[in-house]
């Protein structure tokens, strides 16, 4: 433990020895406690999965925009719906997550 002479410490910054002792006891026993609970880990994994779906949606978006614009030019609705589905469903899943 580091000690500082009390003559060098202002009264506002002086630490209560009981508080320091309590902190040392809690620091010695807290190392066995988990940092994150299992619920927090699961929530983090779901959020990361949602980010993966957003990434997938944004990477398919340029191809979908090109196909949608091409389907309007040629009046084909099947490519329009297919490419819209490829770009929209990952966004819907990410929103749901």
PDB file of N, CA and C in Angstrom:
ATOM      1  N   UNK A   1       0.839  -1.166   0.000  1.00  0.00           N
ATOM      2  CA  UNK A   1       0.000   0.000   0.000  1.00  0.00           C
ATOM      3  C   UNK A   1       0.887   1.234   0.000  1.00  0.00           C
ATOM      4  N   UNK A   2       0.517   2.210  -0.804  1.00  0.00           N
ATOM      5  CA  UNK A   2       1.281   3.448  -0.901  1.00  0.00           C
ATOM      6  C   UNK A   2       0.765   4.410   0.148  1.00  0.00           C
ATOM      7  N   UNK A   3       1.693   4.976   0.888  1.00  0.00           N
ATOM      8  CA  UNK A   3       1.300   5.963   1.893  1.00  0.00           C
ATOM      9  C   UNK A   3       1.889   7.309   1.522  1.00  0.00           C
ATOM     10  N   UNK A   4       1.115   8.321   1.725  1.00  0.00           N
ATOM     11  CA  UNK A   4       1.540   9.691   1.465  1.00  0.00           C
ATOM     12  C   UNK A   4       1.512  10.426   2.789  1.00  0.00           C
ATOM     13  N   UNK A   5       2.568  11.139   3.109  1.00  0.00           N
ATOM     14  CA  UNK A   5       2.551  11.899   4.358  1.00  0.00           C
ATOM     15  C   UNK A   5       1.374  12.859   4.384  1.00  0.00           C
ATOM     16  N   UNK A   6       0.728  12.910   5.515  1.00  0.00           N
ATOM     17  CA  UNK A   6      -0.472  13.745   5.627  1.00  0.00           C
ATOM     18  C   UNK A   6      -0.159  15.226   5.518  1.00  0.00           C
ATOM     19  N   UNK A   7       1.071  15.598   5.708  1.00  0.00           N
ATOM     20  CA  UNK A   7       1.414  17.012   5.584  1.00  0.00           C
ATOM     21  C   UNK A   7       1.361  17.451   4.123  1.00  0.00           C
ATOM     22  N   UNK A   8       1.479  16.493   3.173  1.00  0.00           N
ATOM     23  CA  UNK A   8       1.460  16.837   1.755  1.00  0.00           C
ATOM     24  C   UNK A   8       0.053  16.762   1.157  1.00  0.00           C
ATOM     25  N   UNK A   9      -0.906  16.268   1.900  1.00  0.00           N
ATOM     26  CA  UNK A   9      -2.261  16.099   1.387  1.00  0.00           C
ATOM     27  C   UNK A   9      -3.152  17.169   1.997  1.00  0.00           C
ATOM     28  N   UNK A  10      -3.909  17.848   1.128  1.00  0.00           N
ATOM     29  CA  UNK A  10      -4.833  18.849   1.648  1.00  0.00           C
ATOM     30  C   UNK A  10      -5.985  18.145   2.359  1.00  0.00           C
ATOM     31  N   UNK A  11      -6.644  18.795   3.293  1.00  0.00           N
ATOM     32  CA  UNK A  11      -7.737  18.156   4.040  1.00  0.00           C
ATOM     33  C   UNK A  11      -8.898  17.724   3.142  1.00  0.00           C
ATOM     34  N   UNK A  12      -9.123  18.416   2.016  1.00  0.00           N
ATOM     35  CA  UNK A  12     -10.210  18.034   1.121  1.00  0.00           C
ATOM     36  C   UNK A  12      -9.915  16.710   0.415  1.00  0.00           C
ATOM     37  N   UNK A  13      -8.640  16.431   0.180  1.00  0.00           N
ATOM     38  CA  UNK A  13      -8.268  15.231  -0.562  1.00  0.00           C
ATOM     39  C   UNK A  13      -7.854  14.072   0.340  1.00  0.00           C
ATOM     40  N   UNK A  14      -7.841  14.284   1.628  1.00  0.00           N
ATOM     41  CA  UNK A  14      -7.425  13.220   2.537  1.00  0.00           C
ATOM     42  C   UNK A  14      -8.433  12.078   2.495  1.00  0.00           C
ATOM     43  N   UNK A  15      -7.929  10.854   2.444  1.00  0.00           N
ATOM     44  CA  UNK A  15      -8.791   9.679   2.372  1.00  0.00           C
ATOM     45  C   UNK A  15      -9.072   9.142   3.764  1.00  0.00           C
ATOM     46  N   UNK A  16     -10.267   8.714   3.946  1.00  0.00           N
ATOM     47  CA  UNK A  16     -10.659   8.095   5.197  1.00  0.00           C
ATOM     48  C   UNK A  16     -10.032   6.695   5.249  1.00  0.00           C
ATOM     49  N   UNK A  17      -9.268   6.363   6.288  1.00  0.00           N
ATOM     50  CA  UNK A  17      -8.621   5.050   6.343  1.00  0.00           C
ATOM     51  C   UNK A  17      -9.627   3.903   6.318  1.00  0.00           C
ATOM     52  N   UNK A  18     -10.812   4.110   6.861  1.00  0.00           N
ATOM     53  CA  UNK A  18     -11.826   3.047   6.828  1.00  0.00           C
ATOM     54  C   UNK A  18     -12.308   2.808   5.401  1.00  0.00           C
ATOM     55  N   UNK A  19     -12.455   3.890   4.625  1.00  0.00           N
ATOM     56  CA  UNK A  19     -12.885   3.740   3.235  1.00  0.00           C
ATOM     57  C   UNK A  19     -11.817   3.035   2.416  1.00  0.00           C
ATOM     58  N   UNK A  20     -10.551   3.354   2.669  1.00  0.00           N
ATOM     59  CA  UNK A  20      -9.459   2.697   1.956  1.00  0.00           C
ATOM     60  C   UNK A  20      -9.418   1.216   2.304  1.00  0.00           C
ATOM     61  N   UNK A  21      -9.589   0.878   3.552  1.00  0.00           N
ATOM     62  CA  UNK A  21      -9.586  -0.522   3.963  1.00  0.00           C
ATOM     63  C   UNK A  21     -10.757  -1.281   3.344  1.00  0.00           C
ATOM     64  N   UNK A  22     -11.914  -0.648   3.291  1.00  0.00           N
ATOM     65  CA  UNK A  22     -13.066  -1.294   2.672  1.00  0.00           C
ATOM     66  C   UNK A  22     -12.836  -1.493   1.181  1.00  0.00           C
ATOM     67  N   UNK A  23     -12.233  -0.520   0.519  1.00  0.00           N
ATOM     68  CA  UNK A  23     -11.935  -0.649  -0.900  1.00  0.00           C
ATOM     69  C   UNK A  23     -10.951  -1.780  -1.147  1.00  0.00           C
ATOM     70  N   UNK A  24      -9.940  -1.893  -0.311  1.00  0.00           N
ATOM     71  CA  UNK A  24      -8.960  -2.971  -0.470  1.00  0.00           C
ATOM     72  C   UNK A  24      -9.611  -4.338  -0.277  1.00  0.00           C
ATOM     73  N   UNK A  25     -10.521  -4.452   0.706  1.00  0.00           N
ATOM     74  CA  UNK A  25     -11.213  -5.730   0.912  1.00  0.00           C
ATOM     75  C   UNK A  25     -12.089  -6.084  -0.280  1.00  0.00           C
ATOM     76  N   UNK A  26     -12.805  -5.102  -0.807  1.00  0.00           N
ATOM     77  CA  UNK A  26     -13.690  -5.382  -1.943  1.00  0.00           C
ATOM     78  C   UNK A  26     -12.884  -5.677  -3.197  1.00  0.00           C
ATOM     79  N   UNK A  27     -11.736  -5.029  -3.373  1.00  0.00           N
ATOM     80  CA  UNK A  27     -10.900  -5.303  -4.539  1.00  0.00           C
ATOM     81  C   UNK A  27     -10.309  -6.704  -4.464  1.00  0.00           C
ATOM     82  N   UNK A  28     -10.053  -7.177  -3.261  1.00  0.00           N
ATOM     83  CA  UNK A  28      -9.482  -8.512  -3.112  1.00  0.00           C
ATOM     84  C   UNK A  28     -10.520  -9.599  -3.372  1.00  0.00           C
ATOM     85  N   UNK A  29     -11.787  -9.324  -3.141  1.00  0.00           N
ATOM     86  CA  UNK A  29     -12.809 -10.350  -3.329  1.00  0.00           C
ATOM     87  C   UNK A  29     -13.552 -10.225  -4.653  1.00  0.00           C
ATOM     88  N   UNK A  30     -13.422  -9.112  -5.365  1.00  0.00           N
ATOM     89  CA  UNK A  30     -14.163  -8.911  -6.610  1.00  0.00           C
ATOM     90  C   UNK A  30     -13.543  -9.621  -7.803  1.00  0.00           C
ATOM     91  N   UNK A  31     -12.361 -10.173  -7.682  1.00  0.00           N
ATOM     92  CA  UNK A  31     -11.723 -10.775  -8.846  1.00  0.00           C
ATOM     93  C   UNK A  31     -12.401 -12.076  -9.268  1.00  0.00           C
ATOM     94  N   UNK A  32     -13.207 -12.675  -8.432  1.00  0.00           N
ATOM     95  CA  UNK A  32     -13.908 -13.900  -8.798  1.00  0.00           C
ATOM     96  C   UNK A  32     -15.249 -13.634  -9.470  1.00  0.00           C
ATOM     97  N   UNK A  33     -15.744 -12.424  -9.420  1.00  0.00           N
ATOM     98  CA  UNK A  33     -17.034 -12.100 -10.013  1.00  0.00           C
ATOM     99  C   UNK A  33     -16.866 -11.937 -11.519  1.00  0.00           C
ATOM    100  N   UNK A  34     -17.842 -12.417 -12.313  1.00  0.00           N
ATOM    101  CA  UNK A  34     -17.740 -12.240 -13.766  1.00  0.00           C
ATOM    102  C   UNK A  34     -17.929 -10.780 -14.148  1.00  0.00           C
ATOM    103  N   UNK A  35     -17.265 -10.385 -15.216  1.00  0.00           N
ATOM    104  CA  UNK A  35     -17.358  -9.004 -15.677  1.00  0.00           C
ATOM    105  C   UNK A  35     -18.727  -8.745 -16.297  1.00  0.00           C
ATOM    106  N   UNK A  36     -19.193  -9.711 -17.107  1.00  0.00           N
ATOM    107  CA  UNK A  36     -20.502  -9.590 -17.739  1.00  0.00           C
ATOM    108  C   UNK A  36     -21.351 -10.796 -17.367  1.00  0.00           C
ATOM    109  N   UNK A  37     -22.608 -10.562 -17.163  1.00  0.00           N
ATOM    110  CA  UNK A  37     -23.530 -11.664 -16.894  1.00  0.00           C
ATOM    111  C   UNK A  37     -23.929 -12.301 -18.222  1.00  0.00           C
ATOM    112  N   UNK A  38     -24.476 -13.504 -18.144  1.00  0.00           N
ATOM    113  CA  UNK A  38     -24.815 -14.226 -19.371  1.00  0.00           C
ATOM    114  C   UNK A  38     -25.876 -13.491 -20.189  1.00  0.00           C
ATOM    115  N   UNK A  39     -26.795 -12.805 -19.533  1.00  0.00           N
ATOM    116  CA  UNK A  39     -27.807 -12.038 -20.263  1.00  0.00           C
ATOM    117  C   UNK A  39     -27.169 -10.902 -21.041  1.00  0.00           C
ATOM    118  N   UNK A  40     -26.185 -10.238 -20.455  1.00  0.00           N
ATOM    119  CA  UNK A  40     -25.499  -9.155 -21.141  1.00  0.00           C
ATOM    120  C   UNK A  40     -24.692  -9.675 -22.325  1.00  0.00           C
ATOM    121  N   UNK A  41     -24.080 -10.841 -22.168  1.00  0.00           N
ATOM    122  CA  UNK A  41     -23.326 -11.433 -23.269  1.00  0.00           C
ATOM    123  C   UNK A  41     -24.269 -11.786 -24.414  1.00  0.00           C
ATOM    124  N   UNK A  42     -25.441 -12.345 -24.096  1.00  0.00           N
ATOM    125  CA  UNK A  42     -26.420 -12.685 -25.124  1.00  0.00           C
ATOM    126  C   UNK A  42     -26.905 -11.431 -25.845  1.00  0.00           C
ATOM    127  N   UNK A  43     -27.184 -10.362 -25.100  1.00  0.00           N
ATOM    128  CA  UNK A  43     -27.630  -9.117 -25.723  1.00  0.00           C
ATOM    129  C   UNK A  43     -26.554  -8.556 -26.644  1.00  0.00           C
ATOM    130  N   UNK A  44     -25.305  -8.643 -26.238  1.00  0.00           N
ATOM    131  CA  UNK A  44     -24.212  -8.176 -27.077  1.00  0.00           C
ATOM    132  C   UNK A  44     -24.110  -9.012 -28.347  1.00  0.00           C
ATOM    133  N   UNK A  45     -24.271 -10.328 -28.236  1.00  0.00           N
ATOM    134  CA  UNK A  45     -24.215 -11.195 -29.411  1.00  0.00           C
ATOM    135  C   UNK A  45     -25.361 -10.888 -30.373  1.00  0.00           C
ATOM    136  N   UNK A  46     -26.535 -10.608 -29.851  1.00  0.00           N
ATOM    137  CA  UNK A  46     -27.674 -10.270 -30.718  1.00  0.00           C
ATOM    138  C   UNK A  46     -27.421  -8.951 -31.435  1.00  0.00           C
ATOM    139  N   UNK A  47     -26.846  -7.996 -30.750  1.00  0.00           N
ATOM    140  CA  UNK A  47     -26.541  -6.707 -31.390  1.00  0.00           C
ATOM    141  C   UNK A  47     -25.487  -6.870 -32.481  1.00  0.00           C
ATOM    142  N   UNK A  48     -24.485  -7.693 -32.236  1.00  0.00           N
ATOM    143  CA  UNK A  48     -23.459  -7.929 -33.254  1.00  0.00           C
ATOM    144  C   UNK A  48     -24.069  -8.644 -34.456  1.00  0.00           C
ATOM    145  N   UNK A  49     -24.970  -9.580 -34.215  1.00  0.00           N
ATOM    146  CA  UNK A  49     -25.660 -10.253 -35.312  1.00  0.00           C
ATOM    147  C   UNK A  49     -26.501  -9.252 -36.110  1.00  0.00           C
ATOM    148  N   UNK A  50     -27.140  -8.328 -35.435  1.00  0.00           N
ATOM    149  CA  UNK A  50     -27.893  -7.283 -36.132  1.00  0.00           C
ATOM    150  C   UNK A  50     -26.989  -6.420 -36.999  1.00  0.00           C
ATOM    151  N   UNK A  51     -25.784  -6.109 -36.509  1.00  0.00           N
ATOM    152  CA  UNK A  51     -24.835  -5.351 -37.322  1.00  0.00           C
ATOM    153  C   UNK A  51     -24.405  -6.134 -38.552  1.00  0.00           C
ATOM    154  N   UNK A  52     -24.271  -7.453 -38.415  1.00  0.00           N
ATOM    155  CA  UNK A  52     -23.916  -8.287 -39.561  1.00  0.00           C
ATOM    156  C   UNK A  52     -25.023  -8.254 -40.617  1.00  0.00           C
ATOM    157  N   UNK A  53     -26.283  -8.265 -40.190  1.00  0.00           N
ATOM    158  CA  UNK A  53     -27.383  -8.188 -41.144  1.00  0.00           C
ATOM    159  C   UNK A  53     -27.437  -6.814 -41.814  1.00  0.00           C
ATOM    160  N   UNK A  54     -27.148  -5.764 -41.079  1.00  0.00           N
ATOM    161  CA  UNK A  54     -27.115  -4.429 -41.683  1.00  0.00           C
ATOM    162  C   UNK A  54     -25.992  -4.353 -42.719  1.00  0.00           C
ATOM    163  N   UNK A  55     -24.841  -4.923 -42.399  1.00  0.00           N
ATOM    164  CA  UNK A  55     -23.732  -4.947 -43.353  1.00  0.00           C
ATOM    165  C   UNK A  55     -24.137  -5.702 -44.613  1.00  0.00           C
ATOM    166  N   UNK A  56     -24.794  -6.849 -44.456  1.00  0.00           N
ATOM    167  CA  UNK A  56     -25.226  -7.636 -45.600  1.00  0.00           C
ATOM    168  C   UNK A  56     -26.211  -6.842 -46.456  1.00  0.00           C
ATOM    169  N   UNK A  57     -27.121  -6.129 -45.822  1.00  0.00           N
ATOM    170  CA  UNK A  57     -28.100  -5.339 -46.571  1.00  0.00           C
ATOM    171  C   UNK A  57     -27.427  -4.212 -47.342  1.00  0.00           C
ATOM    172  N   UNK A  58     -26.489  -3.541 -46.726  1.00  0.00           N
ATOM    173  CA  UNK A  58     -25.837  -2.421 -47.415  1.00  0.00           C
ATOM    174  C   UNK A  58     -24.904  -2.879 -48.518  1.00  0.00           C
ATOM    175  N   UNK A  59     -24.328  -4.079 -48.397  1.00  0.00           N
ATOM    176  CA  UNK A  59     -23.482  -4.568 -49.485  1.00  0.00           C
ATOM    177  C   UNK A  59     -24.317  -5.034 -50.670  1.00  0.00           C
ATOM    178  N   UNK A  60     -25.549  -5.484 -50.448  1.00  0.00           N
ATOM    179  CA  UNK A  60     -26.397  -5.900 -51.565  1.00  0.00           C
ATOM    180  C   UNK A  60     -27.206  -4.741 -52.136  1.00  0.00           C
ATOM    181  N   UNK A  61     -27.167  -3.595 -51.504  1.00  0.00           N
ATOM    182  CA  UNK A  61     -27.966  -2.459 -51.944  1.00  0.00           C
ATOM    183  C   UNK A  61     -27.562  -1.927 -53.326  1.00  0.00           C
ATOM    184  N   UNK A  62     -26.285  -1.758 -53.671  1.00  0.00           N
ATOM    185  CA  UNK A  62     -25.960  -1.259 -55.022  1.00  0.00           C
ATOM    186  C   UNK A  62     -26.454  -2.190 -56.131  1.00  0.00           C
ATOM    187  N   UNK A  63     -26.315  -3.491 -55.949  1.00  0.00           N
ATOM    188  CA  UNK A  63     -26.804  -4.434 -56.946  1.00  0.00           C
ATOM    189  C   UNK A  63     -28.323  -4.343 -57.048  1.00  0.00           C
ATOM    190  N   UNK A  64     -28.992  -4.220 -55.921  1.00  0.00           N
ATOM    191  CA  UNK A  64     -30.449  -4.141 -55.933  1.00  0.00           C
ATOM    192  C   UNK A  64     -30.933  -2.871 -56.618  1.00  0.00           C
ATOM    193  N   UNK A  65     -30.270  -1.758 -56.395  1.00  0.00           N
ATOM    194  CA  UNK A  65     -30.682  -0.501 -57.026  1.00  0.00           C
ATOM    195  C   UNK A  65     -30.520  -0.607 -58.536  1.00  0.00           C
ATOM    196  N   UNK A  66     -29.409  -1.190 -58.994  1.00  0.00           N
ATOM    197  CA  UNK A  66     -29.217  -1.360 -60.435  1.00  0.00           C
ATOM    198  C   UNK A  66     -30.270  -2.259 -61.050  1.00  0.00           C
ATOM    199  N   UNK A  67     -30.609  -3.338 -60.380  1.00  0.00           N
ATOM    200  CA  UNK A  67     -31.626  -4.247 -60.914  1.00  0.00           C
ATOM    201  C   UNK A  67     -33.016  -3.622 -60.888  1.00  0.00           C
ATOM    202  N   UNK A  68     -33.309  -2.885 -59.836  1.00  0.00           N
ATOM    203  CA  UNK A  68     -34.627  -2.242 -59.748  1.00  0.00           C
ATOM    204  C   UNK A  68     -34.779  -1.203 -60.847  1.00  0.00           C
ATOM    205  N   UNK A  69     -33.749  -0.398 -61.065  1.00  0.00           N
ATOM    206  CA  UNK A  69     -33.838   0.604 -62.128  1.00  0.00           C
ATOM    207  C   UNK A  69     -33.923  -0.055 -63.497  1.00  0.00           C
ATOM    208  N   UNK A  70     -33.206  -1.171 -63.681  1.00  0.00           N
ATOM    209  CA  UNK A  70     -33.292  -1.901 -64.945  1.00  0.00           C
ATOM    210  C   UNK A  70     -34.649  -2.536 -65.150  1.00  0.00           C
ATOM    211  N   UNK A  71     -35.262  -3.008 -64.081  1.00  0.00           N
ATOM    212  CA  UNK A  71     -36.590  -3.617 -64.223  1.00  0.00           C
ATOM    213  C   UNK A  71     -37.653  -2.571 -64.529  1.00  0.00           C
ATOM    214  N   UNK A  72     -37.482  -1.330 -64.071  1.00  0.00           N
ATOM    215  CA  UNK A  72     -38.424  -0.277 -64.444  1.00  0.00           C
ATOM    216  C   UNK A  72     -38.289   0.076 -65.919  1.00  0.00           C
ATOM    217  N   UNK A  73     -37.072   0.012 -66.419  1.00  0.00           N
ATOM    218  CA  UNK A  73     -36.849   0.352 -67.814  1.00  0.00           C
ATOM    219  C   UNK A  73     -37.463  -0.700 -68.732  1.00  0.00           C
ATOM    220  N   UNK A  74     -37.341  -1.987 -68.354  1.00  0.00           N
ATOM    221  CA  UNK A  74     -37.838  -3.079 -69.191  1.00  0.00           C
ATOM    222  C   UNK A  74     -39.232  -3.552 -68.786  1.00  0.00           C
ATOM    223  N   UNK A  75     -39.803  -3.032 -67.742  1.00  0.00           N
ATOM    224  CA  UNK A  75     -41.128  -3.392 -67.230  1.00  0.00           C
ATOM    225  C   UNK A  75     -41.229  -4.864 -66.828  1.00  0.00           C
ATOM    226  N   UNK A  76     -40.191  -5.374 -66.182  1.00  0.00           N
ATOM    227  CA  UNK A  76     -40.220  -6.727 -65.624  1.00  0.00           C
ATOM    228  C   UNK A  76     -40.363  -6.599 -64.111  1.00  0.00           C
ATOM    229  N   UNK A  77     -41.406  -7.194 -63.561  1.00  0.00           N
ATOM    230  CA  UNK A  77     -41.660  -7.044 -62.128  1.00  0.00           C
ATOM    231  C   UNK A  77     -40.983  -8.115 -61.285  1.00  0.00           C
ATOM    232  N   UNK A  78     -40.712  -9.288 -61.841  1.00  0.00           N
ATOM    233  CA  UNK A  78     -40.099 -10.361 -61.048  1.00  0.00           C
ATOM    234  C   UNK A  78     -38.705  -9.961 -60.571  1.00  0.00           C
ATOM    235  N   UNK A  79     -37.821  -9.436 -61.440  1.00  0.00           N
ATOM    236  CA  UNK A  79     -36.511  -8.987 -60.914  1.00  0.00           C
ATOM    237  C   UNK A  79     -36.645  -7.864 -59.883  1.00  0.00           C
ATOM    238  N   UNK A  80     -37.650  -7.025 -60.058  1.00  0.00           N
ATOM    239  CA  UNK A  80     -37.870  -5.947 -59.091  1.00  0.00           C
ATOM    240  C   UNK A  80     -38.159  -6.512 -57.710  1.00  0.00           C
ATOM    241  N   UNK A  81     -39.073  -7.471 -57.635  1.00  0.00           N
ATOM    242  CA  UNK A  81     -39.422  -8.045 -56.336  1.00  0.00           C
ATOM    243  C   UNK A  81     -38.280  -8.867 -55.742  1.00  0.00           C
ATOM    244  N   UNK A  82     -37.569  -9.612 -56.571  1.00  0.00           N
ATOM    245  CA  UNK A  82     -36.469 -10.438 -56.064  1.00  0.00           C
ATOM    246  C   UNK A  82     -35.331  -9.587 -55.503  1.00  0.00           C
ATOM    247  N   UNK A  83     -34.936  -8.577 -56.260  1.00  0.00           N
ATOM    248  CA  UNK A  83     -33.830  -7.749 -55.773  1.00  0.00           C
ATOM    249  C   UNK A  83     -34.256  -6.879 -54.600  1.00  0.00           C
ATOM    250  N   UNK A  84     -35.513  -6.455 -54.598  1.00  0.00           N
ATOM    251  CA  UNK A  84     -35.990  -5.696 -53.441  1.00  0.00           C
ATOM    252  C   UNK A  84     -35.981  -6.567 -52.199  1.00  0.00           C
ATOM    253  N   UNK A  85     -36.382  -7.823 -52.375  1.00  0.00           N
ATOM    254  CA  UNK A  85     -36.371  -8.759 -51.243  1.00  0.00           C
ATOM    255  C   UNK A  85     -34.950  -8.993 -50.736  1.00  0.00           C
ATOM    256  N   UNK A  86     -33.980  -9.129 -51.669  1.00  0.00           N
ATOM    257  CA  UNK A  86     -32.595  -9.359 -51.257  1.00  0.00           C
ATOM    258  C   UNK A  86     -32.018  -8.190 -50.463  1.00  0.00           C
ATOM    259  N   UNK A  87     -32.486  -6.993 -50.747  1.00  0.00           N
ATOM    260  CA  UNK A  87     -31.964  -5.826 -50.039  1.00  0.00           C
ATOM    261  C   UNK A  87     -32.762  -5.503 -48.783  1.00  0.00           C
ATOM    262  N   UNK A  88     -34.049  -5.844 -48.774  1.00  0.00           N
ATOM    263  CA  UNK A  88     -34.912  -5.413 -47.673  1.00  0.00           C
ATOM    264  C   UNK A  88     -34.938  -6.413 -46.530  1.00  0.00           C
ATOM    265  N   UNK A  89     -34.868  -7.716 -46.795  1.00  0.00           N
ATOM    266  CA  UNK A  89     -35.031  -8.672 -45.694  1.00  0.00           C
ATOM    267  C   UNK A  89     -33.915  -8.580 -44.661  1.00  0.00           C
ATOM    268  N   UNK A  90     -32.638  -8.351 -45.033  1.00  0.00           N
ATOM    269  CA  UNK A  90     -31.640  -8.189 -43.955  1.00  0.00           C
ATOM    270  C   UNK A  90     -31.904  -6.949 -43.098  1.00  0.00           C
ATOM    271  N   UNK A  91     -32.425  -5.893 -43.724  1.00  0.00           N
ATOM    272  CA  UNK A  91     -32.759  -4.714 -42.928  1.00  0.00           C
ATOM    273  C   UNK A  91     -33.900  -4.985 -41.964  1.00  0.00           C
ATOM    274  N   UNK A  92     -34.888  -5.760 -42.408  1.00  0.00           N
ATOM    275  CA  UNK A  92     -35.993  -6.101 -41.526  1.00  0.00           C
ATOM    276  C   UNK A  92     -35.534  -6.988 -40.363  1.00  0.00           C
ATOM    277  N   UNK A  93     -34.650  -7.939 -40.651  1.00  0.00           N
ATOM    278  CA  UNK A  93     -34.128  -8.807 -39.588  1.00  0.00           C
ATOM    279  C   UNK A  93     -33.287  -8.000 -38.611  1.00  0.00           C
ATOM    280  N   UNK A  94     -32.448  -7.092 -39.133  1.00  0.00           N
ATOM    281  CA  UNK A  94     -31.623  -6.254 -38.260  1.00  0.00           C
ATOM    282  C   UNK A  94     -32.488  -5.358 -37.389  1.00  0.00           C
ATOM    283  N   UNK A  95     -33.574  -4.830 -37.950  1.00  0.00           N
ATOM    284  CA  UNK A  95     -34.482  -4.008 -37.157  1.00  0.00           C
ATOM    285  C   UNK A  95     -35.160  -4.841 -36.068  1.00  0.00           C
ATOM    286  N   UNK A  96     -35.527  -6.070 -36.420  1.00  0.00           N
ATOM    287  CA  UNK A  96     -36.171  -6.946 -35.452  1.00  0.00           C
ATOM    288  C   UNK A  96     -35.224  -7.328 -34.326  1.00  0.00           C
ATOM    289  N   UNK A  97     -33.942  -7.533 -34.658  1.00  0.00           N
ATOM    290  CA  UNK A  97     -32.966  -7.888 -33.625  1.00  0.00           C
ATOM    291  C   UNK A  97     -32.692  -6.694 -32.747  1.00  0.00           C
TER     292      UNK A  97
END
